[in-house]
Amino acid sequence: MMLWPVAVCLLLLLLLFLLCDCDPVLAVLSALGRGRPALRDRVIWLTGASSGIGEALAVELAACGARLALSARRPAELERVRRRCLEAGAAADQVLVLPLDVTEFEQHRPALDRLLAHFGRLDVLVNNAGRSQRCAWADTRPAVDRQLFELNVFAPVELTRVALPELVSRRGGQVVVMSSTAGTCPAPCSGSYTGSKHALHGFFGALRSELSAAGLRVTLLCPGPTFSDLLRSAFVAEPGQVFGGEMSASDRRMTAERCARLCAVAIGAQLAEAWIAIQPILLFQYLNHYTPWLINFVFQLTGARLAMQLRDSRNSVPVETKQK
């Protein structure tokens, strides 16, 4: 008889969770207005800032009052993003355009030196640059595996190693890594990409375990399907080709602006990890974490079709590819 209040409370909690588009800790912090105010005047280096989540995050951080160094390979696009940051409230000297190809490791140290010459310090490094993938696991060429890991894993690892002395010296420095829901829950037709995101959790989890006592904070951001241009440049099975697809306005995805706002809260609050995704992707994340046998059973019943439908709003990958 006395169990029904407990059952009602649990049901209400489940309903509240199903209304969330991020993990409960992040949802509460966002609702309370925490995190974002802590970003004011922090010097943040953001890679992959010329489009997608990176562009939206740059504008969001500028609105929070952060000082920004924006990096990507396309200077013209970075200048466009810089103008958006100024429109969001940043002063002209608070946004530095810092062109960089993160896979060219010899560019890392000169880029950091230029940032320090401009701002005098570095508080937060946001490793956001990366590419996705759409192709069958068995068809992927080894060269694609290597290229994807070079960009998604080894580049942020090396850039972090270059910036680490500056970050650790501040006893409050922070490394932020843009992972993915694929970094905690395997995604079909993205084998190399999923592997690269899992690798990020290993590399940067180890870094956290080594240097947390020295004051370094490591934040892993795990966004789910988000509106961006990532399909245009996504890797496919063969090197030198890209997926070249476009997202549809009817797709079920989070907006880049909403994703960026939640990322900013997580960065400002210095969370160790944040899960950001619409439902039912978020629910699948928790089910995979706590009841992997159940997710495995679902895959046995549906194959990759359900996962592809949830991620890309379509249950197959087109075979057409484009030359890069």
Protein backbone atom coordinates (compact mmCIF):
# COMPACT_ATOMS: atom_id res chain seq x y z
CA MET A 1 0.00 0.00 0.00
CA MET A 2 2.75 2.43 0.92
CA LEU A 3 4.72 1.80 -2.25
CA TRP A 4 2.50 3.83 -4.52
CA PRO A 5 4.02 7.24 -3.55
CA VAL A 6 7.44 5.86 -4.46
CA ALA A 7 6.08 4.55 -7.75
CA VAL A 8 4.51 7.92 -8.53
CA CYS A 9 7.75 9.75 -7.77
CA LEU A 10 9.74 7.38 -9.97
CA LEU A 11 7.23 7.83 -12.78
CA LEU A 12 7.45 11.63 -12.50
CA LEU A 13 11.25 11.45 -12.56
CA LEU A 14 11.11 9.29 -15.68
CA LEU A 15 8.75 11.74 -17.37
CA LEU A 16 11.03 14.65 -16.47
CA PHE A 17 14.02 12.75 -17.86
CA LEU A 18 12.19 12.08 -21.12
CA LEU A 19 11.69 15.84 -21.48
CA CYS A 20 15.43 16.49 -21.10
CA ASP A 21 17.88 16.99 -23.97
CA CYS A 22 20.95 16.48 -21.78
CA ASP A 23 22.06 14.53 -18.73
CA PRO A 24 20.36 15.46 -15.43
CA VAL A 25 23.35 17.26 -13.91
CA LEU A 26 23.74 19.48 -16.95
CA ALA A 27 19.97 20.05 -17.12
CA VAL A 28 19.87 21.29 -13.52
CA LEU A 29 22.90 23.55 -13.99
CA SER A 30 21.39 25.00 -17.15
CA ALA A 31 18.03 25.60 -15.47
CA LEU A 32 19.76 27.37 -12.56
CA GLY A 33 21.78 29.60 -14.89
CA ARG A 34 25.09 28.15 -13.76
CA GLY A 35 28.23 27.65 -15.83
CA ARG A 36 27.98 30.37 -18.45
CA PRO A 37 28.80 33.30 -16.11
CA ALA A 38 32.09 31.62 -15.18
CA LEU A 39 33.28 32.00 -18.78
CA ARG A 40 33.56 35.80 -18.67
CA ASP A 41 37.10 37.01 -19.41
CA ARG A 42 38.44 33.45 -19.79
CA VAL A 43 40.85 33.03 -22.72
CA ILE A 44 39.53 30.14 -24.81
CA TRP A 45 41.20 28.56 -27.84
CA LEU A 46 38.59 26.88 -30.04
CA THR A 47 39.54 24.66 -32.97
CA GLY A 48 37.12 23.70 -35.73
CA ALA A 49 35.52 27.11 -35.29
CA SER A 50 34.57 27.83 -38.91
CA SER A 51 31.27 25.91 -39.10
CA GLY A 52 28.75 23.67 -37.37
CA ILE A 53 28.87 23.24 -33.60
CA GLY A 54 32.23 25.04 -33.52
CA GLU A 55 30.79 28.18 -35.10
CA ALA A 56 27.75 28.15 -32.82
CA LEU A 57 29.98 27.58 -29.79
CA ALA A 58 32.21 30.51 -30.77
CA VAL A 59 29.20 32.85 -30.88
CA GLU A 60 27.86 31.46 -27.58
CA LEU A 61 31.21 31.89 -25.83
CA ALA A 62 31.48 35.44 -27.18
CA ALA A 63 28.02 36.20 -25.76
CA CYS A 64 29.28 34.89 -22.40
CA GLY A 65 32.12 37.43 -22.43
CA ALA A 66 34.97 35.04 -23.16
CA ARG A 67 38.11 36.05 -25.04
CA LEU A 68 38.47 33.83 -28.08
CA ALA A 69 41.13 32.48 -30.39
CA LEU A 70 39.36 30.89 -33.36
CA SER A 71 41.18 28.21 -35.37
CA ALA A 72 40.33 26.26 -38.53
CA ARG A 73 41.82 25.82 -41.99
CA ARG A 74 39.66 28.45 -43.75
CA PRO A 75 40.65 32.05 -42.86
CA ALA A 76 37.74 33.59 -44.75
CA GLU A 77 35.22 31.52 -42.80
CA LEU A 78 36.97 32.35 -39.54
CA GLU A 79 36.63 36.06 -40.34
CA ARG A 80 32.91 35.53 -40.93
CA VAL A 81 32.57 33.77 -37.57
CA ARG A 82 34.58 36.56 -35.93
CA ARG A 83 32.06 39.11 -37.23
CA ARG A 84 29.26 37.04 -35.69
CA CYS A 85 31.14 37.03 -32.38
CA LEU A 86 31.44 40.81 -32.49
CA GLU A 87 27.70 41.05 -33.16
CA ALA A 88 27.16 38.84 -30.09
CA GLY A 89 28.90 41.42 -27.92
CA ALA A 90 32.63 40.68 -28.06
CA ALA A 91 35.07 43.57 -28.38
CA ALA A 92 37.32 43.68 -31.44
CA ASP A 93 40.46 42.80 -29.45
CA GLN A 94 38.69 39.89 -27.72
CA VAL A 95 38.47 37.70 -30.83
CA LEU A 96 41.67 36.52 -32.53
CA VAL A 97 41.56 34.70 -35.86
CA LEU A 98 44.23 32.01 -35.70
CA PRO A 99 44.26 29.88 -38.91
CA LEU A 100 45.49 26.36 -38.21
CA ASP A 101 45.48 22.91 -39.75
CA VAL A 102 45.52 20.77 -36.61
CA THR A 103 46.95 17.79 -38.53
CA GLU A 104 50.09 19.83 -39.30
CA PHE A 105 51.72 19.37 -35.92
CA GLU A 106 54.56 21.81 -36.64
CA GLN A 107 51.94 24.62 -36.72
CA HIS A 108 50.83 24.01 -33.12
CA ARG A 109 53.63 25.76 -31.24
CA PRO A 110 53.71 28.91 -33.45
CA ALA A 111 49.91 29.18 -33.14
CA LEU A 112 50.11 28.96 -29.34
CA ASP A 113 52.90 31.55 -29.28
CA ARG A 114 50.76 33.95 -31.32
CA LEU A 115 47.82 33.40 -28.96
CA LEU A 116 49.99 34.10 -25.90
CA ALA A 117 51.44 37.21 -27.54
CA HIS A 118 47.90 38.52 -28.05
CA PHE A 119 46.17 37.52 -24.79
CA GLY A 120 49.07 36.81 -22.45
CA ARG A 121 47.61 33.53 -21.22
CA LEU A 122 45.47 30.51 -22.11
CA ASP A 123 42.71 29.30 -19.78
CA VAL A 124 40.75 26.78 -21.86
CA LEU A 125 41.61 24.69 -24.92
CA VAL A 126 38.55 23.38 -26.78
CA ASN A 127 39.48 20.56 -29.18
CA ASN A 128 36.51 20.66 -31.54
CA ALA A 129 38.04 20.02 -34.99
CA GLY A 130 37.10 16.70 -36.55
CA ARG A 131 35.14 14.89 -39.24
CA SER A 132 32.43 12.24 -39.21
CA GLN A 133 32.02 9.11 -41.34
CA ARG A 134 29.32 7.26 -43.26
CA CYS A 135 30.20 3.84 -44.70
CA ALA A 136 30.01 0.14 -43.91
CA TRP A 137 32.52 -1.18 -41.37
CA ALA A 138 33.77 -4.01 -43.64
CA ASP A 139 34.30 -1.70 -46.65
CA THR A 140 36.50 0.88 -44.92
CA ARG A 141 40.07 1.10 -46.21
CA PRO A 142 42.96 1.23 -43.72
CA ALA A 143 44.03 4.60 -45.16
CA VAL A 144 40.67 6.05 -44.08
CA ASP A 145 41.13 4.67 -40.57
CA ARG A 146 44.53 6.35 -40.35
CA GLN A 147 43.37 9.69 -41.78
CA LEU A 148 40.37 9.82 -39.47
CA PHE A 149 42.41 8.99 -36.38
CA GLU A 150 45.05 11.53 -37.39
CA LEU A 151 42.43 14.30 -37.37
CA ASN A 152 40.03 13.18 -34.66
CA VAL A 153 42.51 11.71 -32.15
CA PHE A 154 46.19 12.39 -32.68
CA ALA A 155 45.75 16.08 -33.61
CA PRO A 156 43.86 17.04 -30.42
CA VAL A 157 46.19 14.88 -28.32
CA GLU A 158 49.28 16.60 -29.74
CA LEU A 159 47.78 20.10 -29.56
CA THR A 160 46.89 19.47 -25.92
CA ARG A 161 50.45 18.32 -25.19
CA VAL A 162 51.77 21.56 -26.67
CA ALA A 163 49.35 23.69 -24.63
CA LEU A 164 49.58 21.64 -21.44
CA PRO A 165 52.45 23.49 -19.72
CA GLU A 166 50.57 26.78 -20.05
CA LEU A 167 47.30 25.25 -18.83
CA VAL A 168 48.86 23.44 -15.87
CA SER A 169 50.82 26.52 -14.82
CA ARG A 170 47.53 28.33 -14.27
CA ARG A 171 46.24 25.74 -11.74
CA GLY A 172 42.75 26.04 -13.16
CA GLY A 173 43.43 25.43 -16.80
CA GLN A 174 40.91 23.31 -18.67
CA VAL A 175 41.02 20.94 -21.64
CA VAL A 176 37.71 20.43 -23.44
CA VAL A 177 37.24 17.69 -26.01
CA MET A 178 34.32 17.43 -28.41
CA SER A 179 33.50 13.75 -28.36
CA SER A 180 30.10 12.40 -29.40
CA THR A 181 27.33 10.08 -28.29
CA ALA A 182 29.26 7.67 -30.53
CA GLY A 183 32.07 7.92 -27.99
CA THR A 184 29.93 6.11 -25.42
CA CYS A 185 27.40 4.22 -27.58
CA PRO A 186 28.67 2.59 -30.82
CA ALA A 187 27.13 3.92 -34.03
CA PRO A 188 26.64 1.78 -37.17
CA CYS A 189 28.15 2.83 -40.50
CA SER A 190 30.72 4.92 -38.63
CA GLY A 191 33.19 2.34 -37.38
CA SER A 192 36.36 4.41 -37.64
CA TYR A 193 34.59 7.50 -36.29
CA THR A 194 33.16 5.57 -33.35
CA GLY A 195 36.61 4.13 -32.62
CA SER A 196 38.17 7.60 -32.72
CA LYS A 197 35.65 9.00 -30.25
CA HIS A 198 36.14 6.07 -27.88
CA ALA A 199 39.89 6.68 -28.12
CA LEU A 200 39.39 10.30 -27.02
CA HIS A 201 37.76 9.09 -23.81
CA GLY A 202 40.74 6.85 -23.14
CA PHE A 203 43.41 9.45 -23.88
CA PHE A 204 41.80 12.33 -22.04
CA GLY A 205 40.42 10.22 -19.21
CA ALA A 206 44.00 9.17 -18.54
CA LEU A 207 45.10 12.82 -18.66
CA ARG A 208 42.41 13.70 -16.11
CA SER A 209 43.55 10.93 -13.78
CA GLU A 210 47.16 12.14 -13.96
CA LEU A 211 46.77 15.90 -13.59
CA SER A 212 43.52 16.59 -11.74
CA ALA A 213 45.50 17.00 -8.52
CA ALA A 214 47.61 19.63 -10.31
CA GLY A 215 44.49 21.70 -10.99
CA LEU A 216 43.86 20.67 -14.60
CA ARG A 217 40.23 20.09 -15.52
CA VAL A 218 39.23 17.85 -18.44
CA THR A 219 35.73 18.04 -19.94
CA LEU A 220 34.41 15.57 -22.49
CA LEU A 221 31.36 16.80 -24.44
CA CYS A 222 29.16 14.13 -26.05
CA PRO A 223 26.59 15.68 -28.38
CA GLY A 224 24.15 13.58 -30.38
CA PRO A 225 22.61 14.36 -33.80
CA THR A 226 22.94 18.11 -34.38
CA PHE A 227 22.22 20.29 -37.40
CA SER A 228 25.52 21.14 -39.11
CA ASP A 229 27.39 20.59 -42.37
CA LEU A 230 29.30 17.52 -41.13
CA LEU A 231 27.82 15.18 -43.76
CA ARG A 232 29.41 17.21 -46.57
CA SER A 233 32.94 16.29 -45.49
CA ALA A 234 32.26 12.95 -43.79
CA PHE A 235 34.74 10.18 -44.57
CA VAL A 236 33.55 7.21 -46.62
CA ALA A 237 35.15 3.85 -47.39
CA GLU A 238 37.71 5.12 -49.90
CA PRO A 239 40.38 7.76 -49.19
CA GLY A 240 40.03 11.01 -51.15
CA GLN A 241 36.24 10.84 -51.22
CA VAL A 242 33.58 12.42 -49.01
CA PHE A 243 29.97 11.58 -48.28
CA GLY A 244 28.76 14.91 -49.63
CA GLY A 245 25.29 14.65 -48.13
CA GLU A 246 23.05 17.38 -46.75
CA MET A 247 20.81 17.35 -43.72
CA SER A 248 17.11 17.90 -44.23
CA ALA A 249 15.15 20.52 -42.31
CA SER A 250 12.74 17.73 -41.37
CA ASP A 251 15.48 15.66 -39.66
CA ARG A 252 15.14 15.10 -35.92
CA ARG A 253 18.23 16.85 -34.61
CA MET A 254 19.22 19.38 -32.01
CA THR A 255 20.00 22.87 -33.28
CA ALA A 256 23.65 23.87 -33.22
CA GLU A 257 22.72 26.88 -31.06
CA ARG A 258 21.06 24.75 -28.38
CA CYS A 259 23.97 22.33 -28.41
CA ALA A 260 26.44 25.20 -28.08
CA ARG A 261 24.57 26.69 -25.14
CA LEU A 262 24.61 23.39 -23.24
CA CYS A 263 28.30 22.94 -24.12
CA ALA A 264 29.03 26.39 -22.70
CA VAL A 265 27.27 25.47 -19.43
CA ALA A 266 29.31 22.26 -19.19
CA ILE A 267 32.56 24.10 -19.92
CA GLY A 268 31.85 26.86 -17.43
CA ALA A 269 30.87 24.35 -14.74
CA GLN A 270 33.98 22.27 -15.55
CA LEU A 271 31.99 19.05 -15.76
CA ALA A 272 34.00 15.89 -16.34
CA GLU A 273 31.56 14.66 -18.99
CA ALA A 274 28.31 15.91 -20.50
CA TRP A 275 25.76 14.02 -22.60
CA ILE A 276 23.78 16.25 -24.96
CA ALA A 277 21.12 14.73 -27.22
CA ILE A 278 17.45 14.76 -28.06
CA GLN A 279 15.24 11.87 -27.05
CA PRO A 280 15.26 8.95 -27.54
CA ILE A 281 19.02 9.16 -28.28
CA LEU A 282 19.67 10.26 -24.70
CA LEU A 283 17.62 7.35 -23.35
CA PHE A 284 19.62 4.93 -25.54
CA GLN A 285 22.83 6.36 -24.07
CA TYR A 286 21.75 5.44 -20.57
CA LEU A 287 20.39 2.05 -21.61
CA ASN A 288 23.67 1.24 -23.34
CA HIS A 289 25.62 2.31 -20.27
CA TYR A 290 23.59 0.47 -17.65
CA THR A 291 21.92 -2.36 -19.62
CA PRO A 292 24.18 -3.12 -22.60
CA TRP A 293 22.52 -6.52 -22.97
CA LEU A 294 19.24 -4.76 -23.80
CA ILE A 295 20.78 -2.59 -26.54
CA ASN A 296 22.51 -5.65 -27.96
CA PHE A 297 19.16 -7.42 -28.07
CA VAL A 298 17.61 -4.47 -29.90
CA PHE A 299 20.41 -4.52 -32.50
CA GLN A 300 19.87 -8.25 -32.97
CA LEU A 301 16.21 -7.59 -33.72
CA THR A 302 16.53 -4.49 -35.91
CA GLY A 303 20.07 -4.60 -37.26
CA ALA A 304 21.46 -1.13 -37.99
CA ARG A 305 18.16 0.23 -39.31
CA LEU A 306 16.83 1.64 -36.03
CA ALA A 307 20.12 3.27 -35.04
CA MET A 308 20.51 4.86 -38.48
CA GLN A 309 16.94 6.14 -38.34
CA LEU A 310 17.52 7.71 -34.94
CA ARG A 311 20.84 9.29 -35.90
CA ASP A 312 20.29 10.40 -39.50
CA SER A 313 16.49 10.26 -39.84
CA ARG A 314 17.00 7.62 -42.54
CA ASN A 315 17.66 3.90 -42.19
CA SER A 316 20.28 3.45 -44.90
CA VAL A 317 23.44 5.11 -46.18
CA PRO A 318 23.35 6.26 -49.84
CA VAL A 319 26.11 4.74 -51.91
CA GLU A 320 26.88 7.93 -53.83
CA THR A 321 30.13 9.65 -52.82
CA LYS A 322 32.00 12.67 -54.10
CA GLN A 323 35.64 13.36 -54.80
CA LYS A 324 37.14 15.58 -52.14
